[in-house]
């Protein structure tokens, strides 16, 4: 089983893909090294990678 990729508010996204905030059903797209945004209340939140971006080679 693969290790979960988690990023917190203010950190840089380690991998490009779709991230889901804790306690939410929506998803956001982040590219590698994009800053993870704060939630609506301006508090820190945890984002879990749901779907990694697929690259063609």
PDB file of N, CA and C in Angstrom:
ATOM      1  N   UNK A   1       0.840  -1.177   0.000  1.00  0.00           N
ATOM      2  CA  UNK A   1       0.000   0.000   0.000  1.00  0.00           C
ATOM      3  C   UNK A   1       0.890   1.247   0.000  1.00  0.00           C
ATOM      4  N   UNK A   2       0.537   2.198  -0.834  1.00  0.00           N
ATOM      5  CA  UNK A   2       1.336   3.414  -0.967  1.00  0.00           C
ATOM      6  C   UNK A   2       1.136   4.334   0.233  1.00  0.00           C
ATOM      7  N   UNK A   3       2.171   5.085   0.549  1.00  0.00           N
ATOM      8  CA  UNK A   3       2.114   6.039   1.648  1.00  0.00           C
ATOM      9  C   UNK A   3       1.284   7.246   1.233  1.00  0.00           C
ATOM     10  N   UNK A   4       0.426   7.746   2.127  1.00  0.00           N
ATOM     11  CA  UNK A   4      -0.389   8.925   1.841  1.00  0.00           C
ATOM     12  C   UNK A   4       0.501  10.160   1.759  1.00  0.00           C
ATOM     13  N   UNK A   5       0.200  11.011   0.791  1.00  0.00           N
ATOM     14  CA  UNK A   5       0.920  12.272   0.645  1.00  0.00           C
ATOM     15  C   UNK A   5       0.037  13.348   1.265  1.00  0.00           C
ATOM     16  N   UNK A   6       0.570  14.028   2.284  1.00  0.00           N
ATOM     17  CA  UNK A   6      -0.185  15.056   2.993  1.00  0.00           C
ATOM     18  C   UNK A   6       0.600  16.362   2.968  1.00  0.00           C
ATOM     19  N   UNK A   7      -0.118  17.462   2.706  1.00  0.00           N
ATOM     20  CA  UNK A   7       0.481  18.793   2.728  1.00  0.00           C
ATOM     21  C   UNK A   7      -0.377  19.664   3.638  1.00  0.00           C
ATOM     22  N   UNK A   8       0.251  20.594   4.336  1.00  0.00           N
ATOM     23  CA  UNK A   8      -0.461  21.504   5.229  1.00  0.00           C
ATOM     24  C   UNK A   8      -0.442  22.911   4.659  1.00  0.00           C
ATOM     25  N   UNK A   9      -1.379  23.724   5.112  1.00  0.00           N
ATOM     26  CA  UNK A   9      -1.480  25.119   4.694  1.00  0.00           C
ATOM     27  C   UNK A   9      -0.128  25.822   4.833  1.00  0.00           C
ATOM     28  N   UNK A  10       0.271  26.553   3.794  1.00  0.00           N
ATOM     29  CA  UNK A  10       1.525  27.304   3.812  1.00  0.00           C
ATOM     30  C   UNK A  10       2.715  26.529   3.301  1.00  0.00           C
ATOM     31  N   UNK A  11       2.617  25.192   3.246  1.00  0.00           N
ATOM     32  CA  UNK A  11       3.710  24.382   2.717  1.00  0.00           C
ATOM     33  C   UNK A  11       3.632  24.344   1.201  1.00  0.00           C
ATOM     34  N   UNK A  12       4.684  23.840   0.578  1.00  0.00           N
ATOM     35  CA  UNK A  12       4.679  23.634  -0.867  1.00  0.00           C
ATOM     36  C   UNK A  12       4.182  22.218  -1.145  1.00  0.00           C
ATOM     37  N   UNK A  13       3.386  22.071  -2.213  1.00  0.00           N
ATOM     38  CA  UNK A  13       2.879  20.754  -2.594  1.00  0.00           C
ATOM     39  C   UNK A  13       4.044  19.891  -3.072  1.00  0.00           C
ATOM     40  N   UNK A  14       4.221  18.688  -2.495  1.00  0.00           N
ATOM     41  CA  UNK A  14       5.341  17.837  -2.871  1.00  0.00           C
ATOM     42  C   UNK A  14       5.169  17.167  -4.239  1.00  0.00           C
ATOM     43  N   UNK A  15       3.915  16.966  -4.667  1.00  0.00           N
ATOM     44  CA  UNK A  15       3.606  16.267  -5.918  1.00  0.00           C
ATOM     45  C   UNK A  15       2.434  16.990  -6.590  1.00  0.00           C
ATOM     46  N   UNK A  16       2.421  17.056  -7.914  1.00  0.00           N
ATOM     47  CA  UNK A  16       1.301  17.647  -8.643  1.00  0.00           C
ATOM     48  C   UNK A  16       0.108  16.701  -8.619  1.00  0.00           C
ATOM     49  N   UNK A  17      -1.092  17.275  -8.460  1.00  0.00           N
ATOM     50  CA  UNK A  17      -2.288  16.439  -8.492  1.00  0.00           C
ATOM     51  C   UNK A  17      -3.478  17.093  -7.822  1.00  0.00           C
ATOM     52  N   UNK A  18      -4.519  16.275  -7.582  1.00  0.00           N
ATOM     53  CA  UNK A  18      -5.745  16.704  -6.933  1.00  0.00           C
ATOM     54  C   UNK A  18      -5.626  16.456  -5.438  1.00  0.00           C
ATOM     55  N   UNK A  19      -5.876  17.492  -4.632  1.00  0.00           N
ATOM     56  CA  UNK A  19      -5.791  17.392  -3.178  1.00  0.00           C
ATOM     57  C   UNK A  19      -7.157  17.655  -2.570  1.00  0.00           C
ATOM     58  N   UNK A  20      -7.493  16.903  -1.514  1.00  0.00           N
ATOM     59  CA  UNK A  20      -8.759  17.090  -0.815  1.00  0.00           C
ATOM     60  C   UNK A  20      -8.475  17.605   0.595  1.00  0.00           C
ATOM     61  N   UNK A  21      -9.093  18.739   0.969  1.00  0.00           N
ATOM     62  CA  UNK A  21      -8.922  19.254   2.333  1.00  0.00           C
ATOM     63  C   UNK A  21      -9.603  18.317   3.329  1.00  0.00           C
ATOM     64  N   UNK A  22      -9.061  18.224   4.531  1.00  0.00           N
ATOM     65  CA  UNK A  22      -9.649  17.383   5.580  1.00  0.00           C
ATOM     66  C   UNK A  22     -11.060  17.877   5.884  1.00  0.00           C
ATOM     67  N   UNK A  23     -12.016  16.944   5.959  1.00  0.00           N
ATOM     68  CA  UNK A  23     -13.393  17.287   6.296  1.00  0.00           C
ATOM     69  C   UNK A  23     -14.194  17.884   5.163  1.00  0.00           C
ATOM     70  N   UNK A  24     -13.739  17.746   3.930  1.00  0.00           N
ATOM     71  CA  UNK A  24     -14.429  18.330   2.783  1.00  0.00           C
ATOM     72  C   UNK A  24     -14.566  17.297   1.672  1.00  0.00           C
ATOM     73  N   UNK A  25     -15.518  17.533   0.768  1.00  0.00           N
ATOM     74  CA  UNK A  25     -15.696  16.651  -0.376  1.00  0.00           C
ATOM     75  C   UNK A  25     -15.134  17.259  -1.660  1.00  0.00           C
ATOM     76  N   UNK A  26     -14.783  18.541  -1.601  1.00  0.00           N
ATOM     77  CA  UNK A  26     -14.261  19.197  -2.803  1.00  0.00           C
ATOM     78  C   UNK A  26     -12.773  18.876  -2.962  1.00  0.00           C
ATOM     79  N   UNK A  27     -12.257  19.163  -4.136  1.00  0.00           N
ATOM     80  CA  UNK A  27     -10.839  18.932  -4.409  1.00  0.00           C
ATOM     81  C   UNK A  27     -10.257  20.180  -5.065  1.00  0.00           C
ATOM     82  N   UNK A  28      -8.958  20.371  -4.882  1.00  0.00           N
ATOM     83  CA  UNK A  28      -8.270  21.464  -5.554  1.00  0.00           C
ATOM     84  C   UNK A  28      -7.082  20.885  -6.309  1.00  0.00           C
ATOM     85  N   UNK A  29      -6.679  21.575  -7.351  1.00  0.00           N
ATOM     86  CA  UNK A  29      -5.532  21.152  -8.140  1.00  0.00           C
ATOM     87  C   UNK A  29      -4.320  21.972  -7.724  1.00  0.00           C
ATOM     88  N   UNK A  30      -3.233  21.273  -7.421  1.00  0.00           N
ATOM     89  CA  UNK A  30      -1.979  21.934  -7.077  1.00  0.00           C
ATOM     90  C   UNK A  30      -0.857  21.353  -7.919  1.00  0.00           C
ATOM     91  N   UNK A  31      -0.019  22.221  -8.449  1.00  0.00           N
ATOM     92  CA  UNK A  31       1.186  21.790  -9.144  1.00  0.00           C
ATOM     93  C   UNK A  31       2.298  21.657  -8.121  1.00  0.00           C
ATOM     94  N   UNK A  32       3.309  20.883  -8.460  1.00  0.00           N
ATOM     95  CA  UNK A  32       4.446  20.715  -7.562  1.00  0.00           C
ATOM     96  C   UNK A  32       5.024  22.084  -7.219  1.00  0.00           C
ATOM     97  N   UNK A  33       5.322  22.297  -5.958  1.00  0.00           N
ATOM     98  CA  UNK A  33       5.892  23.528  -5.408  1.00  0.00           C
ATOM     99  C   UNK A  33       4.915  24.701  -5.317  1.00  0.00           C
ATOM    100  N   UNK A  34       3.599  24.493  -5.610  1.00  0.00           N
ATOM    101  CA  UNK A  34       2.591  25.525  -5.345  1.00  0.00           C
ATOM    102  C   UNK A  34       2.344  25.584  -3.848  1.00  0.00           C
ATOM    103  N   UNK A  35       2.077  26.776  -3.328  1.00  0.00           N
ATOM    104  CA  UNK A  35       1.752  26.917  -1.907  1.00  0.00           C
ATOM    105  C   UNK A  35       0.329  26.424  -1.651  1.00  0.00           C
ATOM    106  N   UNK A  36       0.153  25.662  -0.582  1.00  0.00           N
ATOM    107  CA  UNK A  36      -1.165  25.145  -0.208  1.00  0.00           C
ATOM    108  C   UNK A  36      -1.939  26.297   0.439  1.00  0.00           C
ATOM    109  N   UNK A  37      -3.183  26.557  -0.019  1.00  0.00           N
ATOM    110  CA  UNK A  37      -3.942  27.707   0.478  1.00  0.00           C
ATOM    111  C   UNK A  37      -4.550  27.466   1.865  1.00  0.00           C
ATOM    112  N   UNK A  38      -4.912  28.551   2.572  1.00  0.00           N
ATOM    113  CA  UNK A  38      -5.618  28.400   3.844  1.00  0.00           C
ATOM    114  C   UNK A  38      -7.091  28.082   3.590  1.00  0.00           C
ATOM    115  N   UNK A  39      -7.801  27.645   4.634  1.00  0.00           N
ATOM    116  CA  UNK A  39      -9.234  27.397   4.461  1.00  0.00           C
ATOM    117  C   UNK A  39      -9.997  28.711   4.566  1.00  0.00           C
ATOM    118  N   UNK A  40     -11.323  28.663   4.510  1.00  0.00           N
ATOM    119  CA  UNK A  40     -12.148  29.881   4.502  1.00  0.00           C
ATOM    120  C   UNK A  40     -11.985  30.729   5.758  1.00  0.00           C
ATOM    121  N   UNK A  41     -11.672  30.099   6.886  1.00  0.00           N
ATOM    122  CA  UNK A  41     -11.510  30.836   8.138  1.00  0.00           C
ATOM    123  C   UNK A  41     -10.074  31.323   8.337  1.00  0.00           C
ATOM    124  N   UNK A  42      -9.203  31.067   7.376  1.00  0.00           N
ATOM    125  CA  UNK A  42      -7.819  31.504   7.466  1.00  0.00           C
ATOM    126  C   UNK A  42      -6.979  30.635   8.392  1.00  0.00           C
ATOM    127  N   UNK A  43      -7.471  29.459   8.726  1.00  0.00           N
ATOM    128  CA  UNK A  43      -6.755  28.561   9.626  1.00  0.00           C
ATOM    129  C   UNK A  43      -5.976  27.521   8.844  1.00  0.00           C
ATOM    130  N   UNK A  44      -5.041  26.873   9.530  1.00  0.00           N
ATOM    131  CA  UNK A  44      -4.243  25.823   8.898  1.00  0.00           C
ATOM    132  C   UNK A  44      -5.103  24.583   8.681  1.00  0.00           C
ATOM    133  N   UNK A  45      -4.857  23.898   7.579  1.00  0.00           N
ATOM    134  CA  UNK A  45      -5.633  22.725   7.245  1.00  0.00           C
ATOM    135  C   UNK A  45      -4.735  21.694   6.589  1.00  0.00           C
ATOM    136  N   UNK A  46      -5.123  20.432   6.658  1.00  0.00           N
ATOM    137  CA  UNK A  46      -4.370  19.334   6.067  1.00  0.00           C
ATOM    138  C   UNK A  46      -5.027  18.946   4.739  1.00  0.00           C
ATOM    139  N   UNK A  47      -4.215  18.774   3.704  1.00  0.00           N
ATOM    140  CA  UNK A  47      -4.687  18.371   2.380  1.00  0.00           C
ATOM    141  C   UNK A  47      -4.056  17.026   2.028  1.00  0.00           C
ATOM    142  N   UNK A  48      -4.876  16.087   1.554  1.00  0.00           N
ATOM    143  CA  UNK A  48      -4.403  14.753   1.199  1.00  0.00           C
ATOM    144  C   UNK A  48      -4.461  14.578  -0.314  1.00  0.00           C
ATOM    145  N   UNK A  49      -3.387  14.037  -0.889  1.00  0.00           N
ATOM    146  CA  UNK A  49      -3.350  13.777  -2.330  1.00  0.00           C
ATOM    147  C   UNK A  49      -4.338  12.677  -2.668  1.00  0.00           C
ATOM    148  N   UNK A  50      -5.274  12.977  -3.602  1.00  0.00           N
ATOM    149  CA  UNK A  50      -6.295  12.015  -4.004  1.00  0.00           C
ATOM    150  C   UNK A  50      -5.935  11.366  -5.335  1.00  0.00           C
ATOM    151  N   UNK A  51      -5.473  12.184  -6.283  1.00  0.00           N
ATOM    152  CA  UNK A  51      -5.172  11.694  -7.626  1.00  0.00           C
ATOM    153  C   UNK A  51      -3.909  12.379  -8.145  1.00  0.00           C
ATOM    154  N   UNK A  52      -2.846  11.629  -8.285  1.00  0.00           N
ATOM    155  CA  UNK A  52      -1.582  12.157  -8.779  1.00  0.00           C
ATOM    156  C   UNK A  52      -1.695  12.479 -10.274  1.00  0.00           C
ATOM    157  N   UNK A  53      -1.074  13.568 -10.707  1.00  0.00           N
ATOM    158  CA  UNK A  53      -1.056  13.935 -12.114  1.00  0.00           C
ATOM    159  C   UNK A  53      -0.276  12.902 -12.909  1.00  0.00           C
ATOM    160  N   UNK A  54      -0.848  12.507 -14.033  1.00  0.00           N
ATOM    161  CA  UNK A  54      -0.192  11.512 -14.895  1.00  0.00           C
ATOM    162  C   UNK A  54       0.540  12.228 -16.010  1.00  0.00           C
ATOM    163  N   UNK A  55       1.798  11.871 -16.201  1.00  0.00           N
ATOM    164  CA  UNK A  55       2.623  12.481 -17.231  1.00  0.00           C
ATOM    165  C   UNK A  55       2.929  11.457 -18.327  1.00  0.00           C
ATOM    166  N   UNK A  56       2.806  11.889 -19.577  1.00  0.00           N
ATOM    167  CA  UNK A  56       3.160  11.008 -20.690  1.00  0.00           C
ATOM    168  C   UNK A  56       4.658  11.145 -20.963  1.00  0.00           C
ATOM    169  N   UNK A  57       5.293  10.050 -21.250  1.00  0.00           N
ATOM    170  CA  UNK A  57       6.727  10.076 -21.575  1.00  0.00           C
ATOM    171  C   UNK A  57       6.974   9.364 -22.864  1.00  0.00           C
TER     172      UNK A  57
END
